[in-house]
Amino acid sequence: WMARLIDARGLIDTLLPEMIAQAASSDPTFDADALVVDPGGGGVQIGLRKQPAATCNLNYYDFIQVVFGSLRPAALAVRPYSQLQPEGRRLLELLFPPRMAVLGCWDWF
């Protein structure tokens, strides 16, 4: 048995510059000042100010899997409980482009 303890605010603060760089390299019109990444009690809210359709509310399990590449935003969008809009999926794809997963899909979250 193993546990992974993660400081969500610390992780986001560390990753935010890279997330913005990824998005800006894929879409030169990306407005980094409009980006909102806010960890809360039940998960992480990711969105763009004044664009409510781009807002994603991810629980911590899904957030960690998206960050580490074992869950793609397109797969997240088709989950039965997902309320992810196409604009939100596009934002997640800009921030977390496809990469080799460093956590196996079999890892339990």
PDB file of N, CA and C in Angstrom:
ATOM      1  N   TRP A   1       0.834  -1.164   0.000  1.00  0.00           N
ATOM      2  CA  TRP A   1       0.000   0.000   0.000  1.00  0.00           C
ATOM      3  C   TRP A   1       0.885   1.236   0.000  1.00  0.00           C
ATOM      4  N   MET A   2       0.512   2.176  -0.833  1.00  0.00           N
ATOM      5  CA  MET A   2       1.244   3.448  -0.909  1.00  0.00           C
ATOM      6  C   MET A   2       0.243   4.595  -0.948  1.00  0.00           C
ATOM      7  N   ALA A   3       0.669   5.722  -0.499  1.00  0.00           N
ATOM      8  CA  ALA A   3      -0.167   6.927  -0.591  1.00  0.00           C
ATOM      9  C   ALA A   3       0.679   8.044  -1.174  1.00  0.00           C
ATOM     10  N   ARG A   4       0.027   8.883  -1.946  1.00  0.00           N
ATOM     11  CA  ARG A   4       0.690  10.068  -2.489  1.00  0.00           C
ATOM     12  C   ARG A   4      -0.005  11.288  -1.897  1.00  0.00           C
ATOM     13  N   LEU A   5       0.737  12.059  -1.135  1.00  0.00           N
ATOM     14  CA  LEU A   5       0.199  13.283  -0.573  1.00  0.00           C
ATOM     15  C   LEU A   5       0.656  14.431  -1.447  1.00  0.00           C
ATOM     16  N   ILE A   6      -0.277  15.266  -1.846  1.00  0.00           N
ATOM     17  CA  ILE A   6       0.055  16.344  -2.763  1.00  0.00           C
ATOM     18  C   ILE A   6      -0.493  17.656  -2.215  1.00  0.00           C
ATOM     19  N   ASP A   7       0.360  18.651  -2.182  1.00  0.00           N
ATOM     20  CA  ASP A   7      -0.043  20.004  -1.842  1.00  0.00           C
ATOM     21  C   ASP A   7      -0.520  20.652  -3.141  1.00  0.00           C
ATOM     22  N   ALA A   8      -1.830  20.723  -3.334  1.00  0.00           N
ATOM     23  CA  ALA A   8      -2.389  21.199  -4.598  1.00  0.00           C
ATOM     24  C   ALA A   8      -1.944  22.627  -4.909  1.00  0.00           C
ATOM     25  N   ARG A   9      -1.989  23.512  -3.941  1.00  0.00           N
ATOM     26  CA  ARG A   9      -1.591  24.907  -4.188  1.00  0.00           C
ATOM     27  C   ARG A   9      -0.125  24.969  -4.585  1.00  0.00           C
ATOM     28  N   GLY A  10       0.729  24.239  -3.889  1.00  0.00           N
ATOM     29  CA  GLY A  10       2.153  24.209  -4.220  1.00  0.00           C
ATOM     30  C   GLY A  10       2.404  23.627  -5.603  1.00  0.00           C
ATOM     31  N   LEU A  11       1.685  22.558  -5.943  1.00  0.00           N
ATOM     32  CA  LEU A  11       1.828  21.946  -7.256  1.00  0.00           C
ATOM     33  C   LEU A  11       1.409  22.919  -8.350  1.00  0.00           C
ATOM     34  N   ILE A  12       0.281  23.583  -8.151  1.00  0.00           N
ATOM     35  CA  ILE A  12      -0.207  24.536  -9.154  1.00  0.00           C
ATOM     36  C   ILE A  12       0.753  25.713  -9.288  1.00  0.00           C
ATOM     37  N   ASP A  13       1.230  26.248  -8.178  1.00  0.00           N
ATOM     38  CA  ASP A  13       2.176  27.363  -8.248  1.00  0.00           C
ATOM     39  C   ASP A  13       3.440  26.979  -9.005  1.00  0.00           C
ATOM     40  N   THR A  14       3.882  25.741  -8.831  1.00  0.00           N
ATOM     41  CA  THR A  14       5.080  25.271  -9.519  1.00  0.00           C
ATOM     42  C   THR A  14       4.827  25.034 -11.007  1.00  0.00           C
ATOM     43  N   LEU A  15       3.676  24.457 -11.324  1.00  0.00           N
ATOM     44  CA  LEU A  15       3.375  24.103 -12.709  1.00  0.00           C
ATOM     45  C   LEU A  15       2.815  25.244 -13.555  1.00  0.00           C
ATOM     46  N   LEU A  16       2.271  26.273 -12.926  1.00  0.00           N
ATOM     47  CA  LEU A  16       1.585  27.325 -13.664  1.00  0.00           C
ATOM     48  C   LEU A  16       2.429  27.969 -14.771  1.00  0.00           C
ATOM     49  N   PRO A  17       3.687  28.321 -14.540  1.00  0.00           N
ATOM     50  CA  PRO A  17       4.471  28.884 -15.643  1.00  0.00           C
ATOM     51  C   PRO A  17       4.598  27.932 -16.835  1.00  0.00           C
ATOM     52  N   GLU A  18       4.766  26.654 -16.564  1.00  0.00           N
ATOM     53  CA  GLU A  18       4.868  25.667 -17.652  1.00  0.00           C
ATOM     54  C   GLU A  18       3.526  25.498 -18.359  1.00  0.00           C
ATOM     55  N   MET A  19       2.438  25.491 -17.603  1.00  0.00           N
ATOM     56  CA  MET A  19       1.110  25.373 -18.206  1.00  0.00           C
ATOM     57  C   MET A  19       0.852  26.550 -19.154  1.00  0.00           C
ATOM     58  N   ILE A  20       1.193  27.747 -18.710  1.00  0.00           N
ATOM     59  CA  ILE A  20       1.005  28.942 -19.538  1.00  0.00           C
ATOM     60  C   ILE A  20       1.892  28.881 -20.768  1.00  0.00           C
ATOM     61  N   ALA A  21       3.130  28.448 -20.610  1.00  0.00           N
ATOM     62  CA  ALA A  21       4.044  28.331 -21.752  1.00  0.00           C
ATOM     63  C   ALA A  21       3.528  27.316 -22.769  1.00  0.00           C
ATOM     64  N   GLN A  22       3.000  26.189 -22.292  1.00  0.00           N
ATOM     65  CA  GLN A  22       2.432  25.179 -23.191  1.00  0.00           C
ATOM     66  C   GLN A  22       1.274  25.762 -23.989  1.00  0.00           C
ATOM     67  N   ALA A  23       0.375  26.449 -23.296  1.00  0.00           N
ATOM     68  CA  ALA A  23      -0.796  27.021 -23.961  1.00  0.00           C
ATOM     69  C   ALA A  23      -0.392  28.094 -24.957  1.00  0.00           C
ATOM     70  N   ALA A  24       0.534  28.965 -24.580  1.00  0.00           N
ATOM     71  CA  ALA A  24       0.965  30.053 -25.460  1.00  0.00           C
ATOM     72  C   ALA A  24       1.699  29.534 -26.693  1.00  0.00           C
ATOM     73  N   SER A  25       2.427  28.430 -26.544  1.00  0.00           N
ATOM     74  CA  SER A  25       3.142  27.888 -27.710  1.00  0.00           C
ATOM     75  C   SER A  25       2.178  27.231 -28.695  1.00  0.00           C
ATOM     76  N   SER A  26       1.057  26.739 -28.203  1.00  0.00           N
ATOM     77  CA  SER A  26       0.060  26.113 -29.087  1.00  0.00           C
ATOM     78  C   SER A  26      -0.903  27.130 -29.679  1.00  0.00           C
ATOM     79  N   ASP A  27      -1.182  28.200 -28.941  1.00  0.00           N
ATOM     80  CA  ASP A  27      -2.145  29.210 -29.377  1.00  0.00           C
ATOM     81  C   ASP A  27      -1.598  30.587 -29.026  1.00  0.00           C
ATOM     82  N   PRO A  28      -1.038  31.299 -30.009  1.00  0.00           N
ATOM     83  CA  PRO A  28      -0.451  32.616 -29.726  1.00  0.00           C
ATOM     84  C   PRO A  28      -1.460  33.642 -29.191  1.00  0.00           C
ATOM     85  N   THR A  29      -2.753  33.403 -29.363  1.00  0.00           N
ATOM     86  CA  THR A  29      -3.759  34.336 -28.869  1.00  0.00           C
ATOM     87  C   THR A  29      -4.165  34.036 -27.417  1.00  0.00           C
ATOM     88  N   PHE A  30      -3.567  33.012 -26.811  1.00  0.00           N
ATOM     89  CA  PHE A  30      -3.914  32.640 -25.441  1.00  0.00           C
ATOM     90  C   PHE A  30      -3.620  33.800 -24.498  1.00  0.00           C
ATOM     91  N   ASP A  31      -4.612  34.164 -23.680  1.00  0.00           N
ATOM     92  CA  ASP A  31      -4.491  35.267 -22.722  1.00  0.00           C
ATOM     93  C   ASP A  31      -4.201  34.699 -21.330  1.00  0.00           C
ATOM     94  N   ALA A  32      -2.932  34.700 -20.958  1.00  0.00           N
ATOM     95  CA  ALA A  32      -2.525  34.137 -19.673  1.00  0.00           C
ATOM     96  C   ALA A  32      -3.116  34.912 -18.499  1.00  0.00           C
ATOM     97  N   ASP A  33      -3.379  36.203 -18.681  1.00  0.00           N
ATOM     98  CA  ASP A  33      -3.946  37.007 -17.595  1.00  0.00           C
ATOM     99  C   ASP A  33      -5.383  36.611 -17.282  1.00  0.00           C
ATOM    100  N   ALA A  34      -6.066  35.977 -18.219  1.00  0.00           N
ATOM    101  CA  ALA A  34      -7.448  35.557 -18.012  1.00  0.00           C
ATOM    102  C   ALA A  34      -7.539  34.180 -17.350  1.00  0.00           C
ATOM    103  N   LEU A  35      -6.429  33.471 -17.263  1.00  0.00           N
ATOM    104  CA  LEU A  35      -6.424  32.116 -16.718  1.00  0.00           C
ATOM    105  C   LEU A  35      -6.677  32.117 -15.212  1.00  0.00           C
ATOM    106  N   VAL A  36      -7.575  31.229 -14.786  1.00  0.00           N
ATOM    107  CA  VAL A  36      -7.876  31.034 -13.368  1.00  0.00           C
ATOM    108  C   VAL A  36      -7.617  29.569 -13.051  1.00  0.00           C
ATOM    109  N   VAL A  37      -6.740  29.313 -12.100  1.00  0.00           N
ATOM    110  CA  VAL A  37      -6.487  27.959 -11.606  1.00  0.00           C
ATOM    111  C   VAL A  37      -6.578  28.050 -10.088  1.00  0.00           C
ATOM    112  N   ASP A  38      -7.645  27.478  -9.536  1.00  0.00           N
ATOM    113  CA  ASP A  38      -7.937  27.679  -8.126  1.00  0.00           C
ATOM    114  C   ASP A  38      -8.276  26.358  -7.440  1.00  0.00           C
ATOM    115  N   PRO A  39      -7.378  25.876  -6.567  1.00  0.00           N
ATOM    116  CA  PRO A  39      -7.706  24.671  -5.807  1.00  0.00           C
ATOM    117  C   PRO A  39      -8.666  25.014  -4.679  1.00  0.00           C
ATOM    118  N   GLY A  40      -9.599  24.133  -4.458  1.00  0.00           N
ATOM    119  CA  GLY A  40     -10.565  24.330  -3.378  1.00  0.00           C
ATOM    120  C   GLY A  40     -10.687  23.060  -2.571  1.00  0.00           C
ATOM    121  N   GLY A  41     -11.717  22.984  -1.775  1.00  0.00           N
ATOM    122  CA  GLY A  41     -11.917  21.835  -0.914  1.00  0.00           C
ATOM    123  C   GLY A  41     -12.180  20.546  -1.657  1.00  0.00           C
ATOM    124  N   GLY A  42     -12.893  20.607  -2.772  1.00  0.00           N
ATOM    125  CA  GLY A  42     -13.257  19.393  -3.479  1.00  0.00           C
ATOM    126  C   GLY A  42     -12.511  19.147  -4.765  1.00  0.00           C
ATOM    127  N   GLY A  43     -11.690  20.100  -5.173  1.00  0.00           N
ATOM    128  CA  GLY A  43     -10.978  19.923  -6.429  1.00  0.00           C
ATOM    129  C   GLY A  43     -10.358  21.214  -6.916  1.00  0.00           C
ATOM    130  N   VAL A  44     -10.115  21.253  -8.219  1.00  0.00           N
ATOM    131  CA  VAL A  44      -9.444  22.393  -8.830  1.00  0.00           C
ATOM    132  C   VAL A  44     -10.349  22.981  -9.905  1.00  0.00           C
ATOM    133  N   GLN A  45     -10.518  24.293  -9.848  1.00  0.00           N
ATOM    134  CA  GLN A  45     -11.267  24.980 -10.889  1.00  0.00           C
ATOM    135  C   GLN A  45     -10.265  25.608 -11.843  1.00  0.00           C
ATOM    136  N   ILE A  46     -10.436  25.305 -13.130  1.00  0.00           N
ATOM    137  CA  ILE A  46      -9.582  25.859 -14.171  1.00  0.00           C
ATOM    138  C   ILE A  46     -10.508  26.541 -15.167  1.00  0.00           C
ATOM    139  N   GLY A  47     -10.195  27.763 -15.520  1.00  0.00           N
ATOM    140  CA  GLY A  47     -11.056  28.467 -16.454  1.00  0.00           C
ATOM    141  C   GLY A  47     -10.432  29.748 -16.947  1.00  0.00           C
ATOM    142  N   LEU A  48     -11.230  30.486 -17.686  1.00  0.00           N
ATOM    143  CA  LEU A  48     -10.830  31.785 -18.207  1.00  0.00           C
ATOM    144  C   LEU A  48     -11.848  32.816 -17.736  1.00  0.00           C
ATOM    145  N   ARG A  49     -11.369  33.929 -17.227  1.00  0.00           N
ATOM    146  CA  ARG A  49     -12.273  34.991 -16.785  1.00  0.00           C
ATOM    147  C   ARG A  49     -13.154  35.439 -17.943  1.00  0.00           C
ATOM    148  N   LYS A  50     -14.400  35.706 -17.637  1.00  0.00           N
ATOM    149  CA  LYS A  50     -15.400  36.191 -18.591  1.00  0.00           C
ATOM    150  C   LYS A  50     -15.733  35.180 -19.686  1.00  0.00           C
ATOM    151  N   GLN A  51     -15.354  33.901 -19.477  1.00  0.00           N
ATOM    152  CA  GLN A  51     -15.701  32.828 -20.404  1.00  0.00           C
ATOM    153  C   GLN A  51     -16.186  31.630 -19.585  1.00  0.00           C
ATOM    154  N   PRO A  52     -17.418  31.683 -19.089  1.00  0.00           N
ATOM    155  CA  PRO A  52     -17.903  30.611 -18.207  1.00  0.00           C
ATOM    156  C   PRO A  52     -17.931  29.231 -18.856  1.00  0.00           C
ATOM    157  N   ALA A  53     -18.077  29.153 -20.173  1.00  0.00           N
ATOM    158  CA  ALA A  53     -18.105  27.846 -20.830  1.00  0.00           C
ATOM    159  C   ALA A  53     -16.744  27.164 -20.780  1.00  0.00           C
ATOM    160  N   ALA A  54     -15.682  27.932 -20.538  1.00  0.00           N
ATOM    161  CA  ALA A  54     -14.334  27.357 -20.475  1.00  0.00           C
ATOM    162  C   ALA A  54     -13.968  26.898 -19.069  1.00  0.00           C
ATOM    163  N   THR A  55     -14.864  27.069 -18.119  1.00  0.00           N
ATOM    164  CA  THR A  55     -14.569  26.691 -16.735  1.00  0.00           C
ATOM    165  C   THR A  55     -14.706  25.187 -16.539  1.00  0.00           C
ATOM    166  N   CYS A  56     -13.691  24.591 -15.943  1.00  0.00           N
ATOM    167  CA  CYS A  56     -13.665  23.158 -15.647  1.00  0.00           C
ATOM    168  C   CYS A  56     -13.535  22.994 -14.140  1.00  0.00           C
ATOM    169  N   ASN A  57     -14.343  22.149 -13.581  1.00  0.00           N
ATOM    170  CA  ASN A  57     -14.229  21.807 -12.164  1.00  0.00           C
ATOM    171  C   ASN A  57     -13.797  20.347 -12.082  1.00  0.00           C
ATOM    172  N   LEU A  58     -12.532  20.144 -11.766  1.00  0.00           N
ATOM    173  CA  LEU A  58     -11.977  18.796 -11.716  1.00  0.00           C
ATOM    174  C   LEU A  58     -11.789  18.374 -10.267  1.00  0.00           C
ATOM    175  N   ASN A  59     -12.210  17.150  -9.939  1.00  0.00           N
ATOM    176  CA  ASN A  59     -11.868  16.654  -8.614  1.00  0.00           C
ATOM    177  C   ASN A  59     -10.364  16.377  -8.603  1.00  0.00           C
ATOM    178  N   TYR A  60      -9.805  16.197  -7.428  1.00  0.00           N
ATOM    179  CA  TYR A  60      -8.353  16.037  -7.342  1.00  0.00           C
ATOM    180  C   TYR A  60      -7.862  14.782  -8.052  1.00  0.00           C
ATOM    181  N   TYR A  61      -8.656  13.738  -8.056  1.00  0.00           N
ATOM    182  CA  TYR A  61      -8.258  12.504  -8.747  1.00  0.00           C
ATOM    183  C   TYR A  61      -8.060  12.776 -10.232  1.00  0.00           C
ATOM    184  N   ASP A  62      -9.050  13.405 -10.853  1.00  0.00           N
ATOM    185  CA  ASP A  62      -8.966  13.700 -12.283  1.00  0.00           C
ATOM    186  C   ASP A  62      -7.871  14.720 -12.579  1.00  0.00           C
ATOM    187  N   PHE A  63      -7.745  15.723 -11.721  1.00  0.00           N
ATOM    188  CA  PHE A  63      -6.731  16.747 -11.932  1.00  0.00           C
ATOM    189  C   PHE A  63      -5.334  16.139 -11.984  1.00  0.00           C
ATOM    190  N   ILE A  64      -5.017  15.299 -11.017  1.00  0.00           N
ATOM    191  CA  ILE A  64      -3.684  14.685 -10.970  1.00  0.00           C
ATOM    192  C   ILE A  64      -3.454  13.811 -12.195  1.00  0.00           C
ATOM    193  N   GLN A  65      -4.467  13.078 -12.609  1.00  0.00           N
ATOM    194  CA  GLN A  65      -4.316  12.229 -13.791  1.00  0.00           C
ATOM    195  C   GLN A  65      -4.124  13.063 -15.052  1.00  0.00           C
ATOM    196  N   VAL A  66      -4.808  14.190 -15.167  1.00  0.00           N
ATOM    197  CA  VAL A  66      -4.629  15.073 -16.325  1.00  0.00           C
ATOM    198  C   VAL A  66      -3.230  15.679 -16.293  1.00  0.00           C
ATOM    199  N   VAL A  67      -2.783  16.146 -15.135  1.00  0.00           N
ATOM    200  CA  VAL A  67      -1.456  16.750 -15.008  1.00  0.00           C
ATOM    201  C   VAL A  67      -0.370  15.775 -15.436  1.00  0.00           C
ATOM    202  N   PHE A  68      -0.468  14.527 -14.984  1.00  0.00           N
ATOM    203  CA  PHE A  68       0.580  13.561 -15.267  1.00  0.00           C
ATOM    204  C   PHE A  68       0.374  12.789 -16.569  1.00  0.00           C
ATOM    205  N   GLY A  69      -0.651  13.126 -17.318  1.00  0.00           N
ATOM    206  CA  GLY A  69      -0.816  12.569 -18.652  1.00  0.00           C
ATOM    207  C   GLY A  69      -1.501  11.225 -18.743  1.00  0.00           C
ATOM    208  N   SER A  70      -2.005  10.691 -17.639  1.00  0.00           N
ATOM    209  CA  SER A  70      -2.665   9.392 -17.725  1.00  0.00           C
ATOM    210  C   SER A  70      -4.157   9.523 -18.028  1.00  0.00           C
ATOM    211  N   LEU A  71      -4.679  10.741 -18.064  1.00  0.00           N
ATOM    212  CA  LEU A  71      -6.069  10.992 -18.442  1.00  0.00           C
ATOM    213  C   LEU A  71      -6.090  12.168 -19.404  1.00  0.00           C
ATOM    214  N   ARG A  72      -6.552  11.933 -20.594  1.00  0.00           N
ATOM    215  CA  ARG A  72      -6.636  12.985 -21.599  1.00  0.00           C
ATOM    216  C   ARG A  72      -7.938  13.769 -21.411  1.00  0.00           C
ATOM    217  N   PRO A  73      -7.929  15.068 -21.694  1.00  0.00           N
ATOM    218  CA  PRO A  73      -9.163  15.848 -21.579  1.00  0.00           C
ATOM    219  C   PRO A  73     -10.316  15.285 -22.414  1.00  0.00           C
ATOM    220  N   ALA A  74     -10.030  14.730 -23.578  1.00  0.00           N
ATOM    221  CA  ALA A  74     -11.097  14.149 -24.406  1.00  0.00           C
ATOM    222  C   ALA A  74     -11.748  12.963 -23.704  1.00  0.00           C
ATOM    223  N   ALA A  75     -10.958  12.168 -22.999  1.00  0.00           N
ATOM    224  CA  ALA A  75     -11.507  11.027 -22.252  1.00  0.00           C
ATOM    225  C   ALA A  75     -12.283  11.523 -21.041  1.00  0.00           C
ATOM    226  N   LEU A  76     -11.805  12.574 -20.428  1.00  0.00           N
ATOM    227  CA  LEU A  76     -12.504  13.157 -19.289  1.00  0.00           C
ATOM    228  C   LEU A  76     -13.876  13.676 -19.715  1.00  0.00           C
ATOM    229  N   ALA A  77     -13.957  14.238 -20.891  1.00  0.00           N
ATOM    230  CA  ALA A  77     -15.206  14.838 -21.375  1.00  0.00           C
ATOM    231  C   ALA A  77     -16.318  13.822 -21.584  1.00  0.00           C
ATOM    232  N   VAL A  78     -15.983  12.555 -21.818  1.00  0.00           N
ATOM    233  CA  VAL A  78     -17.020  11.551 -22.086  1.00  0.00           C
ATOM    234  C   VAL A  78     -17.413  10.751 -20.844  1.00  0.00           C
ATOM    235  N   ARG A  79     -16.845  11.076 -19.710  1.00  0.00           N
ATOM    236  CA  ARG A  79     -17.247  10.399 -18.472  1.00  0.00           C
ATOM    237  C   ARG A  79     -18.683  10.779 -18.134  1.00  0.00           C
ATOM    238  N   PRO A  80     -19.452   9.849 -17.562  1.00  0.00           N
ATOM    239  CA  PRO A  80     -20.866  10.116 -17.286  1.00  0.00           C
ATOM    240  C   PRO A  80     -21.123  11.328 -16.385  1.00  0.00           C
ATOM    241  N   TYR A  81     -20.242  11.593 -15.427  1.00  0.00           N
ATOM    242  CA  TYR A  81     -20.454  12.705 -14.508  1.00  0.00           C
ATOM    243  C   TYR A  81     -19.849  14.016 -15.005  1.00  0.00           C
ATOM    244  N   SER A  82     -19.192  13.977 -16.140  1.00  0.00           N
ATOM    245  CA  SER A  82     -18.500  15.159 -16.640  1.00  0.00           C
ATOM    246  C   SER A  82     -19.482  16.225 -17.111  1.00  0.00           C
ATOM    247  N   GLN A  83     -19.196  17.446 -16.739  1.00  0.00           N
ATOM    248  CA  GLN A  83     -19.955  18.590 -17.232  1.00  0.00           C
ATOM    249  C   GLN A  83     -19.045  19.486 -18.056  1.00  0.00           C
ATOM    250  N   LEU A  84     -18.010  18.880 -18.631  1.00  0.00           N
ATOM    251  CA  LEU A  84     -16.998  19.606 -19.379  1.00  0.00           C
ATOM    252  C   LEU A  84     -17.549  20.050 -20.734  1.00  0.00           C
ATOM    253  N   GLN A  85     -17.528  21.347 -20.957  1.00  0.00           N
ATOM    254  CA  GLN A  85     -17.963  21.928 -22.225  1.00  0.00           C
ATOM    255  C   GLN A  85     -16.810  21.847 -23.231  1.00  0.00           C
ATOM    256  N   PRO A  86     -17.099  21.949 -24.535  1.00  0.00           N
ATOM    257  CA  PRO A  86     -16.022  21.920 -25.537  1.00  0.00           C
ATOM    258  C   PRO A  86     -14.950  22.995 -25.291  1.00  0.00           C
ATOM    259  N   GLU A  87     -15.350  24.170 -24.836  1.00  0.00           N
ATOM    260  CA  GLU A  87     -14.381  25.234 -24.560  1.00  0.00           C
ATOM    261  C   GLU A  87     -13.465  24.853 -23.393  1.00  0.00           C
ATOM    262  N   GLY A  88     -14.025  24.193 -22.395  1.00  0.00           N
ATOM    263  CA  GLY A  88     -13.225  23.723 -21.267  1.00  0.00           C
ATOM    264  C   GLY A  88     -12.260  22.637 -21.670  1.00  0.00           C
ATOM    265  N   ARG A  89     -12.727  21.729 -22.513  1.00  0.00           N
ATOM    266  CA  ARG A  89     -11.843  20.675 -23.008  1.00  0.00           C
ATOM    267  C   ARG A  89     -10.691  21.278 -23.803  1.00  0.00           C
ATOM    268  N   ARG A  90     -10.995  22.268 -24.628  1.00  0.00           N
ATOM    269  CA  ARG A  90      -9.950  22.932 -25.433  1.00  0.00           C
ATOM    270  C   ARG A  90      -8.923  23.599 -24.516  1.00  0.00           C
ATOM    271  N   LEU A  91      -9.391  24.245 -23.457  1.00  0.00           N
ATOM    272  CA  LEU A  91      -8.473  24.883 -22.513  1.00  0.00           C
ATOM    273  C   LEU A  91      -7.574  23.844 -21.856  1.00  0.00           C
ATOM    274  N   LEU A  92      -8.147  22.736 -21.407  1.00  0.00           N
ATOM    275  CA  LEU A  92      -7.336  21.674 -20.791  1.00  0.00           C
ATOM    276  C   LEU A  92      -6.328  21.108 -21.782  1.00  0.00           C
ATOM    277  N   GLU A  93      -6.729  20.965 -23.042  1.00  0.00           N
ATOM    278  CA  GLU A  93      -5.804  20.453 -24.057  1.00  0.00           C
ATOM    279  C   GLU A  93      -4.663  21.430 -24.316  1.00  0.00           C
ATOM    280  N   LEU A  94      -4.929  22.736 -24.220  1.00  0.00           N
ATOM    281  CA  LEU A  94      -3.861  23.729 -24.375  1.00  0.00           C
ATOM    282  C   LEU A  94      -2.896  23.685 -23.196  1.00  0.00           C
ATOM    283  N   LEU A  95      -3.443  23.574 -21.997  1.00  0.00           N
ATOM    284  CA  LEU A  95      -2.609  23.589 -20.797  1.00  0.00           C
ATOM    285  C   LEU A  95      -1.858  22.285 -20.565  1.00  0.00           C
ATOM    286  N   PHE A  96      -2.481  21.183 -20.966  1.00  0.00           N
ATOM    287  CA  PHE A  96      -1.898  19.857 -20.732  1.00  0.00           C
ATOM    288  C   PHE A  96      -1.880  19.076 -22.035  1.00  0.00           C
ATOM    289  N   PRO A  97      -0.939  19.397 -22.934  1.00  0.00           N
ATOM    290  CA  PRO A  97      -0.889  18.695 -24.217  1.00  0.00           C
ATOM    291  C   PRO A  97      -0.518  17.223 -24.023  1.00  0.00           C
ATOM    292  N   PRO A  98      -0.812  16.392 -25.020  1.00  0.00           N
ATOM    293  CA  PRO A  98      -0.480  14.963 -24.896  1.00  0.00           C
ATOM    294  C   PRO A  98       1.003  14.762 -24.627  1.00  0.00           C
ATOM    295  N   ARG A  99       1.269  13.855 -23.723  1.00  0.00           N
ATOM    296  CA  ARG A  99       2.650  13.502 -23.391  1.00  0.00           C
ATOM    297  C   ARG A  99       2.649  12.074 -22.880  1.00  0.00           C
ATOM    298  N   MET A 100       3.812  11.543 -22.686  1.00  0.00           N
ATOM    299  CA  MET A 100       3.894  10.200 -22.154  1.00  0.00           C
ATOM    300  C   MET A 100       3.509  10.225 -20.676  1.00  0.00           C
ATOM    301  N   ALA A 101       2.608   9.365 -20.295  1.00  0.00           N
ATOM    302  CA  ALA A 101       2.146   9.327 -18.913  1.00  0.00           C
ATOM    303  C   ALA A 101       3.258   8.867 -17.982  1.00  0.00           C
ATOM    304  N   VAL A 102       3.417   9.586 -16.867  1.00  0.00           N
ATOM    305  CA  VAL A 102       4.398   9.166 -15.882  1.00  0.00           C
ATOM    306  C   VAL A 102       3.731   8.414 -14.739  1.00  0.00           C
ATOM    307  N   LEU A 103       2.417   8.380 -14.740  1.00  0.00           N
ATOM    308  CA  LEU A 103       1.670   7.544 -13.824  1.00  0.00           C
ATOM    309  C   LEU A 103       0.866   6.563 -14.673  1.00  0.00           C
ATOM    310  N   GLY A 104       0.918   5.327 -14.307  1.00  0.00           N
ATOM    311  CA  GLY A 104       0.172   4.340 -15.071  1.00  0.00           C
ATOM    312  C   GLY A 104      -1.332   4.503 -14.884  1.00  0.00           C
ATOM    313  N   CYS A 105      -2.094   4.168 -15.904  1.00  0.00           N
ATOM    314  CA  CYS A 105      -3.544   4.272 -15.808  1.00  0.00           C
ATOM    315  C   CYS A 105      -4.100   3.350 -14.731  1.00  0.00           C
ATOM    316  N   TRP A 106      -3.345   2.345 -14.355  1.00  0.00           N
ATOM    317  CA  TRP A 106      -3.807   1.398 -13.343  1.00  0.00           C
ATOM    318  C   TRP A 106      -3.621   1.968 -11.928  1.00  0.00           C
ATOM    319  N   ASP A 107      -2.886   3.060 -11.784  1.00  0.00           N
ATOM    320  CA  ASP A 107      -2.746   3.662 -10.457  1.00  0.00           C
ATOM    321  C   ASP A 107      -4.118   4.077  -9.956  1.00  0.00           C
ATOM    322  N   TRP A 108      -4.383   3.790  -8.704  1.00  0.00           N
ATOM    323  CA  TRP A 108      -5.661   4.143  -8.113  1.00  0.00           C
ATOM    324  C   TRP A 108      -5.557   5.527  -7.513  1.00  0.00           C
ATOM    325  N   PHE A 109      -6.541   6.362  -7.794  1.00  0.00           N
ATOM    326  CA  PHE A 109      -6.555   7.731  -7.268  1.00  0.00           C
ATOM    327  C   PHE A 109      -7.738   7.917  -6.378  1.00  0.00           C
TER     328      PHE A 109
END
